[in-house]
N, C-alpha and C. Protein backbone atom coordinates (compact mmCIF):
# COMPACT_ATOMS: atom_id res chain seq x y z
N MET A 1 98.06 155.53 58.38
CA MET A 1 97.25 154.78 59.31
C MET A 1 97.14 155.59 60.59
N THR A 2 95.98 155.61 61.19
CA THR A 2 95.78 156.39 62.40
C THR A 2 96.39 155.70 63.61
N PRO A 3 96.69 156.45 64.66
CA PRO A 3 97.22 155.83 65.87
C PRO A 3 96.23 154.81 66.45
N GLN A 4 94.92 155.09 66.31
CA GLN A 4 93.93 154.15 66.82
C GLN A 4 93.99 152.82 66.06
N ALA A 5 94.14 152.92 64.74
CA ALA A 5 94.21 151.70 63.94
C ALA A 5 95.47 150.91 64.27
N LEU A 6 96.58 151.63 64.44
CA LEU A 6 97.82 150.95 64.81
C LEU A 6 97.68 150.27 66.17
N GLY A 7 97.06 150.96 67.11
CA GLY A 7 96.86 150.40 68.44
C GLY A 7 95.97 149.17 68.39
N ALA A 8 94.91 149.25 67.61
CA ALA A 8 94.00 148.11 67.50
C ALA A 8 94.71 146.92 66.86
N GLY A 9 95.53 147.18 65.84
CA GLY A 9 96.28 146.11 65.20
C GLY A 9 97.27 145.48 66.15
N ALA A 10 97.96 146.31 66.93
CA ALA A 10 98.93 145.80 67.89
C ALA A 10 98.23 144.99 68.98
N ALA A 11 97.08 145.47 69.42
CA ALA A 11 96.34 144.74 70.44
C ALA A 11 95.89 143.39 69.90
N GLY A 12 95.42 143.37 68.66
CA GLY A 12 95.00 142.11 68.05
C GLY A 12 96.15 141.14 67.91
N ALA A 13 97.31 141.65 67.53
CA ALA A 13 98.49 140.80 67.39
C ALA A 13 98.91 140.25 68.74
N ALA A 14 98.80 141.08 69.78
CA ALA A 14 99.19 140.63 71.12
C ALA A 14 98.26 139.54 71.61
N VAL A 15 96.97 139.66 71.32
CA VAL A 15 95.99 138.68 71.78
C VAL A 15 96.17 137.36 71.04
N ILE A 16 96.30 137.44 69.73
CA ILE A 16 96.38 136.22 68.93
C ILE A 16 97.81 135.70 68.88
N GLY A 17 98.76 136.58 68.89
CA GLY A 17 100.16 136.19 68.74
C GLY A 17 100.60 136.48 67.32
N GLY A 18 101.83 136.95 67.15
CA GLY A 18 102.32 137.36 65.84
C GLY A 18 102.14 136.30 64.77
N GLY A 19 102.65 135.10 65.00
CA GLY A 19 102.53 134.04 64.00
C GLY A 19 101.09 133.60 63.83
N GLY A 20 100.34 133.61 64.92
CA GLY A 20 98.94 133.23 64.86
C GLY A 20 98.13 134.19 64.02
N THR A 21 98.49 135.47 64.08
CA THR A 21 97.79 136.47 63.28
C THR A 21 97.98 136.19 61.81
N LEU A 22 99.22 135.92 61.43
CA LEU A 22 99.50 135.63 60.03
C LEU A 22 98.76 134.37 59.58
N ALA A 23 98.78 133.35 60.39
CA ALA A 23 98.08 132.11 60.04
C ALA A 23 96.58 132.34 59.95
N ALA A 24 96.03 133.10 60.89
CA ALA A 24 94.59 133.38 60.87
C ALA A 24 94.23 134.20 59.64
N TYR A 25 95.06 135.16 59.28
CA TYR A 25 94.80 135.97 58.09
C TYR A 25 94.84 135.09 56.84
N ALA A 26 95.85 134.24 56.75
CA ALA A 26 95.99 133.37 55.59
C ALA A 26 94.81 132.41 55.47
N ALA A 27 94.27 132.01 56.60
CA ALA A 27 93.12 131.10 56.59
C ALA A 27 91.82 131.83 56.33
N GLY A 28 91.85 133.14 56.27
CA GLY A 28 90.65 133.91 55.97
C GLY A 28 89.85 134.29 57.19
N ALA A 29 90.45 134.18 58.37
CA ALA A 29 89.72 134.45 59.61
C ALA A 29 89.23 135.89 59.70
N PHE A 30 89.91 136.81 59.05
CA PHE A 30 89.51 138.21 59.14
C PHE A 30 88.66 138.66 57.96
N GLY A 31 88.34 137.75 57.05
CA GLY A 31 87.49 138.09 55.92
C GLY A 31 88.17 138.99 54.90
N ASN A 32 89.46 139.19 55.00
CA ASN A 32 90.18 140.06 54.07
C ASN A 32 91.25 139.29 53.30
N SER A 33 91.04 138.01 53.11
CA SER A 33 92.02 137.22 52.38
C SER A 33 92.25 137.87 51.02
N PRO A 34 93.51 138.07 50.65
CA PRO A 34 93.78 138.78 49.40
C PRO A 34 93.28 138.03 48.16
N TYR A 35 93.17 136.73 48.22
CA TYR A 35 92.73 135.96 47.06
C TYR A 35 91.58 135.04 47.42
N GLY A 36 90.82 134.69 46.40
CA GLY A 36 89.65 133.83 46.58
C GLY A 36 89.87 132.44 46.02
N ASP A 37 88.76 131.76 45.76
CA ASP A 37 88.80 130.35 45.38
C ASP A 37 89.52 130.07 44.07
N TYR A 38 89.40 130.93 43.08
CA TYR A 38 90.10 130.67 41.81
C TYR A 38 91.60 130.54 42.06
N TYR A 39 92.16 131.50 42.76
CA TYR A 39 93.60 131.49 43.07
C TYR A 39 93.93 130.30 43.99
N LEU A 40 93.17 130.14 45.05
CA LEU A 40 93.48 129.12 46.04
C LEU A 40 93.41 127.71 45.45
N TYR A 41 92.40 127.43 44.62
CA TYR A 41 92.28 126.13 43.98
C TYR A 41 93.43 125.90 42.99
N ALA A 42 93.75 126.93 42.23
CA ALA A 42 94.81 126.81 41.22
C ALA A 42 96.16 126.51 41.87
N THR A 43 96.44 127.13 43.01
CA THR A 43 97.76 127.00 43.62
C THR A 43 97.83 125.94 44.72
N ALA A 44 96.70 125.39 45.13
CA ALA A 44 96.70 124.36 46.18
C ALA A 44 97.37 123.09 45.67
N SER A 45 97.99 122.37 46.58
CA SER A 45 98.66 121.13 46.19
C SER A 45 97.63 120.11 45.72
N THR A 46 98.08 119.19 44.89
CA THR A 46 97.18 118.14 44.41
C THR A 46 96.76 117.24 45.57
N THR A 47 97.56 117.18 46.62
CA THR A 47 97.20 116.41 47.81
C THR A 47 95.89 116.92 48.40
N ASN A 48 95.67 118.23 48.30
CA ASN A 48 94.45 118.84 48.82
C ASN A 48 93.38 119.00 47.74
N GLY A 49 93.58 118.35 46.60
CA GLY A 49 92.60 118.41 45.53
C GLY A 49 92.75 119.61 44.62
N GLY A 50 93.84 120.36 44.78
CA GLY A 50 94.07 121.55 43.95
C GLY A 50 94.82 121.22 42.67
N GLN A 51 95.24 122.26 41.98
CA GLN A 51 95.91 122.11 40.69
C GLN A 51 97.43 122.21 40.76
N ASP A 52 97.97 122.71 41.88
CA ASP A 52 99.42 122.82 42.09
C ASP A 52 100.10 123.59 40.95
N ARG A 53 99.52 124.75 40.62
CA ARG A 53 100.06 125.60 39.56
C ARG A 53 100.68 126.86 40.15
N LYS A 54 101.47 127.56 39.36
CA LYS A 54 102.10 128.80 39.80
C LYS A 54 101.29 129.97 39.25
N TYR A 55 100.91 130.89 40.13
CA TYR A 55 100.16 132.08 39.73
C TYR A 55 101.11 133.12 39.16
N ILE A 56 100.83 133.59 37.94
CA ILE A 56 101.68 134.61 37.31
C ILE A 56 100.92 135.91 37.08
N GLY A 57 99.65 135.96 37.45
CA GLY A 57 98.81 137.11 37.16
C GLY A 57 99.27 138.42 37.77
N SER A 58 100.08 138.37 38.80
CA SER A 58 100.57 139.59 39.44
C SER A 58 101.98 139.96 38.96
N ASP A 59 102.55 139.15 38.08
CA ASP A 59 103.93 139.33 37.62
C ASP A 59 103.94 139.92 36.21
N LEU A 60 103.99 141.25 36.13
CA LEU A 60 103.95 141.92 34.82
C LEU A 60 105.09 141.50 33.90
N SER A 61 106.27 141.29 34.47
CA SER A 61 107.40 140.90 33.61
C SER A 61 107.19 139.51 33.02
N LYS A 62 106.60 138.59 33.78
CA LYS A 62 106.33 137.24 33.25
C LYS A 62 105.24 137.31 32.18
N ILE A 63 104.21 138.12 32.41
CA ILE A 63 103.16 138.29 31.41
C ILE A 63 103.75 138.85 30.12
N GLN A 64 104.62 139.85 30.24
CA GLN A 64 105.25 140.43 29.05
C GLN A 64 106.15 139.41 28.35
N GLU A 65 106.85 138.64 29.12
CA GLU A 65 107.72 137.60 28.54
C GLU A 65 106.89 136.62 27.71
N LEU A 66 105.75 136.18 28.25
CA LEU A 66 104.89 135.24 27.53
C LEU A 66 104.24 135.90 26.31
N LEU A 67 103.88 137.16 26.43
CA LEU A 67 103.29 137.87 25.29
C LEU A 67 104.29 138.02 24.15
N LYS A 68 105.54 138.28 24.48
CA LYS A 68 106.57 138.52 23.46
C LYS A 68 107.13 137.24 22.86
N ALA A 69 106.91 136.12 23.50
CA ALA A 69 107.52 134.86 23.06
C ALA A 69 107.13 134.53 21.62
N ALA A 70 108.13 134.18 20.83
CA ALA A 70 107.89 133.82 19.44
C ALA A 70 107.98 132.31 19.25
N ASP A 71 108.27 131.60 20.33
CA ASP A 71 108.44 130.16 20.23
C ASP A 71 107.19 129.43 20.72
N GLY A 72 107.37 128.31 21.38
CA GLY A 72 106.26 127.50 21.86
C GLY A 72 105.35 128.21 22.84
N SER A 73 105.88 129.21 23.55
CA SER A 73 105.05 129.95 24.50
C SER A 73 104.01 130.80 23.79
N SER A 74 104.18 130.97 22.47
CA SER A 74 103.20 131.76 21.73
C SER A 74 101.82 131.10 21.79
N SER A 75 101.78 129.82 22.15
CA SER A 75 100.48 129.16 22.31
C SER A 75 99.70 129.81 23.46
N TRP A 76 100.41 130.37 24.44
CA TRP A 76 99.76 131.10 25.54
C TRP A 76 99.06 132.32 24.98
N ARG A 77 99.77 133.08 24.17
CA ARG A 77 99.19 134.27 23.54
C ARG A 77 98.03 133.87 22.63
N ALA A 78 98.21 132.80 21.86
CA ALA A 78 97.16 132.34 20.95
C ALA A 78 95.91 131.89 21.72
N SER A 79 96.11 131.27 22.89
CA SER A 79 94.94 130.84 23.67
C SER A 79 94.15 132.04 24.18
N ILE A 80 94.84 133.13 24.50
CA ILE A 80 94.12 134.34 24.91
C ILE A 80 93.31 134.85 23.73
N LYS A 81 93.96 134.96 22.60
CA LYS A 81 93.31 135.51 21.40
C LYS A 81 92.14 134.63 20.94
N ASN A 82 92.37 133.34 20.80
CA ASN A 82 91.40 132.45 20.17
C ASN A 82 90.36 131.85 21.11
N THR A 83 90.67 131.81 22.41
CA THR A 83 89.78 131.11 23.33
C THR A 83 89.28 131.97 24.48
N HIS A 84 90.13 132.80 25.07
CA HIS A 84 89.79 133.42 26.35
C HIS A 84 89.45 134.91 26.31
N TRP A 85 89.83 135.61 25.26
CA TRP A 85 89.64 137.07 25.23
C TRP A 85 88.18 137.46 25.45
N ASP A 86 87.26 136.80 24.76
CA ASP A 86 85.85 137.16 24.88
C ASP A 86 85.34 136.98 26.30
N GLU A 87 85.81 135.96 26.99
CA GLU A 87 85.42 135.75 28.39
C GLU A 87 86.03 136.83 29.28
N MET A 88 87.25 137.21 29.01
CA MET A 88 87.94 138.20 29.83
C MET A 88 87.25 139.57 29.75
N VAL A 89 86.87 139.99 28.55
CA VAL A 89 86.27 141.33 28.41
C VAL A 89 84.85 141.39 28.94
N LYS A 90 84.27 140.24 29.29
CA LYS A 90 82.94 140.25 29.93
C LYS A 90 83.01 140.86 31.33
N THR A 91 84.13 140.66 32.02
CA THR A 91 84.23 141.11 33.40
C THR A 91 85.13 142.32 33.61
N VAL A 92 86.11 142.51 32.73
CA VAL A 92 87.00 143.67 32.83
C VAL A 92 87.10 144.27 31.43
N ASN A 93 86.60 145.48 31.29
CA ASN A 93 86.64 146.14 29.98
C ASN A 93 88.08 146.39 29.55
N SER A 94 88.34 146.14 28.28
CA SER A 94 89.68 146.41 27.77
C SER A 94 89.78 147.87 27.34
N PRO A 95 90.97 148.44 27.46
CA PRO A 95 91.16 149.82 27.02
C PRO A 95 90.87 149.97 25.52
N SER A 96 90.55 151.15 25.11
CA SER A 96 90.25 151.44 23.71
C SER A 96 91.39 150.99 22.80
N GLY A 97 91.03 150.31 21.74
CA GLY A 97 92.03 149.86 20.77
C GLY A 97 92.71 148.56 21.13
N LEU A 98 92.42 148.03 22.29
CA LEU A 98 93.03 146.77 22.73
C LEU A 98 92.06 145.65 22.38
N THR A 99 92.35 144.92 21.33
CA THR A 99 91.47 143.84 20.89
C THR A 99 92.28 142.58 20.66
N LYS A 100 91.57 141.48 20.59
CA LYS A 100 92.26 140.21 20.35
C LYS A 100 92.90 140.18 18.96
N ASP A 101 92.41 141.01 18.06
CA ASP A 101 92.96 141.02 16.71
C ASP A 101 94.37 141.60 16.62
N VAL A 102 94.77 142.37 17.62
CA VAL A 102 96.11 142.99 17.57
C VAL A 102 97.08 142.40 18.60
N ILE A 103 96.64 141.38 19.34
CA ILE A 103 97.50 140.83 20.40
C ILE A 103 98.78 140.21 19.83
N ASP A 104 98.72 139.63 18.64
CA ASP A 104 99.92 139.02 18.07
C ASP A 104 101.01 140.05 17.78
N ASN A 105 100.62 141.29 17.57
CA ASN A 105 101.61 142.33 17.25
C ASN A 105 102.51 142.68 18.42
N VAL A 106 102.13 142.34 19.65
CA VAL A 106 102.94 142.74 20.80
C VAL A 106 104.26 141.98 20.88
N LYS A 107 104.37 140.90 20.14
CA LYS A 107 105.65 140.16 20.16
C LYS A 107 106.75 140.92 19.43
N ASP A 108 106.35 141.91 18.63
CA ASP A 108 107.33 142.72 17.91
C ASP A 108 108.04 143.65 18.88
N THR A 109 109.35 143.73 18.78
CA THR A 109 110.16 144.57 19.66
C THR A 109 109.70 146.02 19.59
N GLY A 110 109.53 146.62 20.72
CA GLY A 110 109.17 148.03 20.79
C GLY A 110 107.70 148.34 20.57
N ASN A 111 106.85 147.32 20.52
CA ASN A 111 105.42 147.59 20.31
C ASN A 111 104.87 148.32 21.52
N PRO A 112 104.27 149.50 21.33
CA PRO A 112 103.77 150.28 22.47
C PRO A 112 102.58 149.65 23.18
N ARG A 113 101.93 148.67 22.57
CA ARG A 113 100.76 148.04 23.20
C ARG A 113 101.13 146.93 24.17
N LEU A 114 102.40 146.58 24.23
CA LEU A 114 102.84 145.52 25.14
C LEU A 114 102.45 145.84 26.58
N ASN A 115 102.74 147.05 27.02
CA ASN A 115 102.38 147.45 28.39
C ASN A 115 100.88 147.46 28.59
N ASP A 116 100.12 147.88 27.57
CA ASP A 116 98.66 147.90 27.67
C ASP A 116 98.10 146.49 27.84
N PHE A 117 98.57 145.56 27.00
CA PHE A 117 98.09 144.19 27.10
C PHE A 117 98.49 143.54 28.42
N SER A 118 99.75 143.72 28.82
CA SER A 118 100.20 143.09 30.06
C SER A 118 99.46 143.68 31.27
N SER A 119 99.20 144.97 31.26
CA SER A 119 98.44 145.59 32.36
C SER A 119 97.01 145.09 32.38
N TYR A 120 96.40 144.95 31.21
CA TYR A 120 95.03 144.45 31.15
C TYR A 120 94.96 143.01 31.67
N ILE A 121 95.87 142.17 31.21
CA ILE A 121 95.87 140.77 31.66
C ILE A 121 96.10 140.71 33.16
N ASN A 122 97.02 141.52 33.67
CA ASN A 122 97.27 141.60 35.11
C ASN A 122 95.99 141.98 35.86
N LYS A 123 95.30 143.00 35.41
CA LYS A 123 94.07 143.44 36.08
C LYS A 123 93.01 142.36 36.05
N TRP A 124 92.85 141.69 34.91
CA TRP A 124 91.85 140.64 34.81
C TRP A 124 92.20 139.48 35.75
N CYS A 125 93.46 139.09 35.75
CA CYS A 125 93.89 137.99 36.63
C CYS A 125 93.69 138.34 38.10
N GLU A 126 94.12 139.53 38.49
CA GLU A 126 94.00 139.94 39.89
C GLU A 126 92.54 140.02 40.32
N ARG A 127 91.67 140.51 39.47
CA ARG A 127 90.24 140.58 39.81
C ARG A 127 89.65 139.18 39.93
N THR A 128 89.95 138.34 38.96
CA THR A 128 89.40 136.99 38.94
C THR A 128 89.97 136.15 40.07
N ALA A 129 91.23 136.36 40.42
CA ALA A 129 91.87 135.60 41.51
C ALA A 129 91.17 135.81 42.84
N ARG A 130 90.46 136.90 42.98
CA ARG A 130 89.78 137.22 44.24
C ARG A 130 88.35 136.67 44.31
N GLU A 131 87.87 136.08 43.22
CA GLU A 131 86.50 135.57 43.20
C GLU A 131 86.39 134.26 43.97
N ASN A 132 85.22 134.08 44.54
CA ASN A 132 84.94 132.84 45.24
C ASN A 132 83.92 132.03 44.45
N VAL A 133 83.92 130.73 44.68
CA VAL A 133 83.02 129.81 44.02
C VAL A 133 82.14 129.19 45.09
N ASP A 134 80.83 129.26 44.91
CA ASP A 134 79.89 128.73 45.89
C ASP A 134 80.13 127.24 46.12
N LYS A 135 80.28 126.86 47.38
CA LYS A 135 80.48 125.47 47.78
C LYS A 135 81.66 124.83 47.05
N SER A 136 82.77 125.54 47.03
CA SER A 136 83.95 125.07 46.30
C SER A 136 84.69 123.95 47.00
N LYS A 137 84.37 123.74 48.27
CA LYS A 137 85.03 122.66 49.00
C LYS A 137 84.00 121.65 49.48
N LYS A 138 84.44 120.41 49.53
CA LYS A 138 83.59 119.33 50.03
C LYS A 138 83.61 119.35 51.56
N GLU A 139 82.77 118.54 52.16
CA GLU A 139 82.70 118.49 53.63
C GLU A 139 84.03 118.10 54.26
N ASN A 140 84.82 117.31 53.55
CA ASN A 140 86.11 116.86 54.09
C ASN A 140 87.22 117.90 53.92
N GLY A 141 86.87 119.08 53.37
CA GLY A 141 87.85 120.15 53.21
C GLY A 141 88.60 120.11 51.89
N GLN A 142 88.42 119.06 51.11
CA GLN A 142 89.06 118.95 49.80
C GLN A 142 88.33 119.84 48.79
N TRP A 143 89.05 120.32 47.79
CA TRP A 143 88.43 121.11 46.74
C TRP A 143 87.49 120.23 45.93
N ASP A 144 86.35 120.77 45.55
CA ASP A 144 85.38 120.06 44.71
C ASP A 144 85.70 120.40 43.25
N SER A 145 86.40 119.50 42.58
CA SER A 145 86.85 119.77 41.21
C SER A 145 85.69 119.99 40.25
N GLU A 146 84.52 119.48 40.57
CA GLU A 146 83.35 119.71 39.70
C GLU A 146 82.98 121.18 39.63
N LYS A 147 83.28 121.93 40.67
CA LYS A 147 82.99 123.37 40.67
C LYS A 147 83.93 124.12 39.74
N PHE A 148 85.01 123.47 39.34
CA PHE A 148 86.00 124.08 38.46
C PHE A 148 86.10 123.30 37.14
N ASN A 149 84.97 122.73 36.74
CA ASN A 149 84.89 121.97 35.50
C ASN A 149 85.16 122.91 34.32
N GLU A 150 86.14 122.58 33.51
CA GLU A 150 86.55 123.48 32.42
C GLU A 150 85.53 123.58 31.30
N THR A 151 84.65 122.60 31.19
CA THR A 151 83.62 122.67 30.16
C THR A 151 82.52 123.63 30.56
N ASP A 152 82.09 123.55 31.82
CA ASP A 152 80.99 124.38 32.30
C ASP A 152 81.44 125.73 32.83
N ASN A 153 82.64 125.82 33.33
CA ASN A 153 83.13 127.05 33.95
C ASN A 153 84.23 127.64 33.07
N VAL A 154 83.81 128.38 32.03
CA VAL A 154 84.78 128.93 31.08
C VAL A 154 85.65 130.00 31.72
N LYS A 155 85.14 130.68 32.73
CA LYS A 155 85.97 131.68 33.41
C LYS A 155 87.11 130.98 34.14
N TRP A 156 86.82 129.86 34.80
CA TRP A 156 87.88 129.11 35.46
C TRP A 156 88.94 128.67 34.45
N LYS A 157 88.50 128.13 33.31
CA LYS A 157 89.44 127.67 32.29
C LYS A 157 90.32 128.83 31.83
N ALA A 158 89.72 129.99 31.61
CA ALA A 158 90.49 131.17 31.19
C ALA A 158 91.49 131.54 32.27
N PHE A 159 91.05 131.56 33.53
CA PHE A 159 91.95 131.92 34.63
C PHE A 159 93.12 130.94 34.71
N LYS A 160 92.81 129.67 34.65
CA LYS A 160 93.85 128.64 34.75
C LYS A 160 94.88 128.79 33.63
N GLU A 161 94.41 129.00 32.40
CA GLU A 161 95.32 129.02 31.26
C GLU A 161 96.01 130.36 31.04
N VAL A 162 95.41 131.45 31.52
CA VAL A 162 96.01 132.78 31.33
C VAL A 162 96.83 133.21 32.54
N CYS A 163 96.34 132.92 33.73
CA CYS A 163 96.93 133.49 34.95
C CYS A 163 97.83 132.53 35.71
N THR A 164 97.88 131.28 35.30
CA THR A 164 98.74 130.31 35.98
C THR A 164 99.53 129.51 34.95
N ILE A 165 100.63 128.94 35.41
CA ILE A 165 101.43 128.06 34.57
C ILE A 165 101.80 126.83 35.39
N GLN A 166 102.19 125.77 34.70
CA GLN A 166 102.67 124.58 35.39
C GLN A 166 103.92 124.93 36.18
N LYS A 167 104.03 124.37 37.37
CA LYS A 167 105.27 124.54 38.13
C LYS A 167 106.36 123.71 37.46
N ASN A 168 107.59 124.19 37.58
CA ASN A 168 108.72 123.45 36.98
C ASN A 168 109.05 122.23 37.76
């Protein structure tokens, strides 16, 4: 970072205040919010009209854990294969040889494609988490759940089921 950039950042922090800067950034005041409406709606509390889910799209170890699961969590892997894969590859191309037909094989110990699949899912989740939805909030500031209708918005459904899990 250049000295000028550091100076500008320090000046901005001094004007707004350290805690205020963080709050303003989190609220999107600087236009560089790390995540968009898909992430924000998924993780917002139900009090605010959100889904109150935990985002796992940035956690490679959690993605690998779910991919390798041979028990009930295998439904997560099956949902990617049977329901969401085609939607995912529309926006983020999968690496050569990475297809929904071989995703079940990653549960086998030592499968070399485990890292490929988990990295791909991570990239798709991180890209999708940054997307915004037009008029996603109502005038009262609550999330408009109709904008995230799972029947009409298949990308949202894929994001919710692949990149988030229920909180414990």
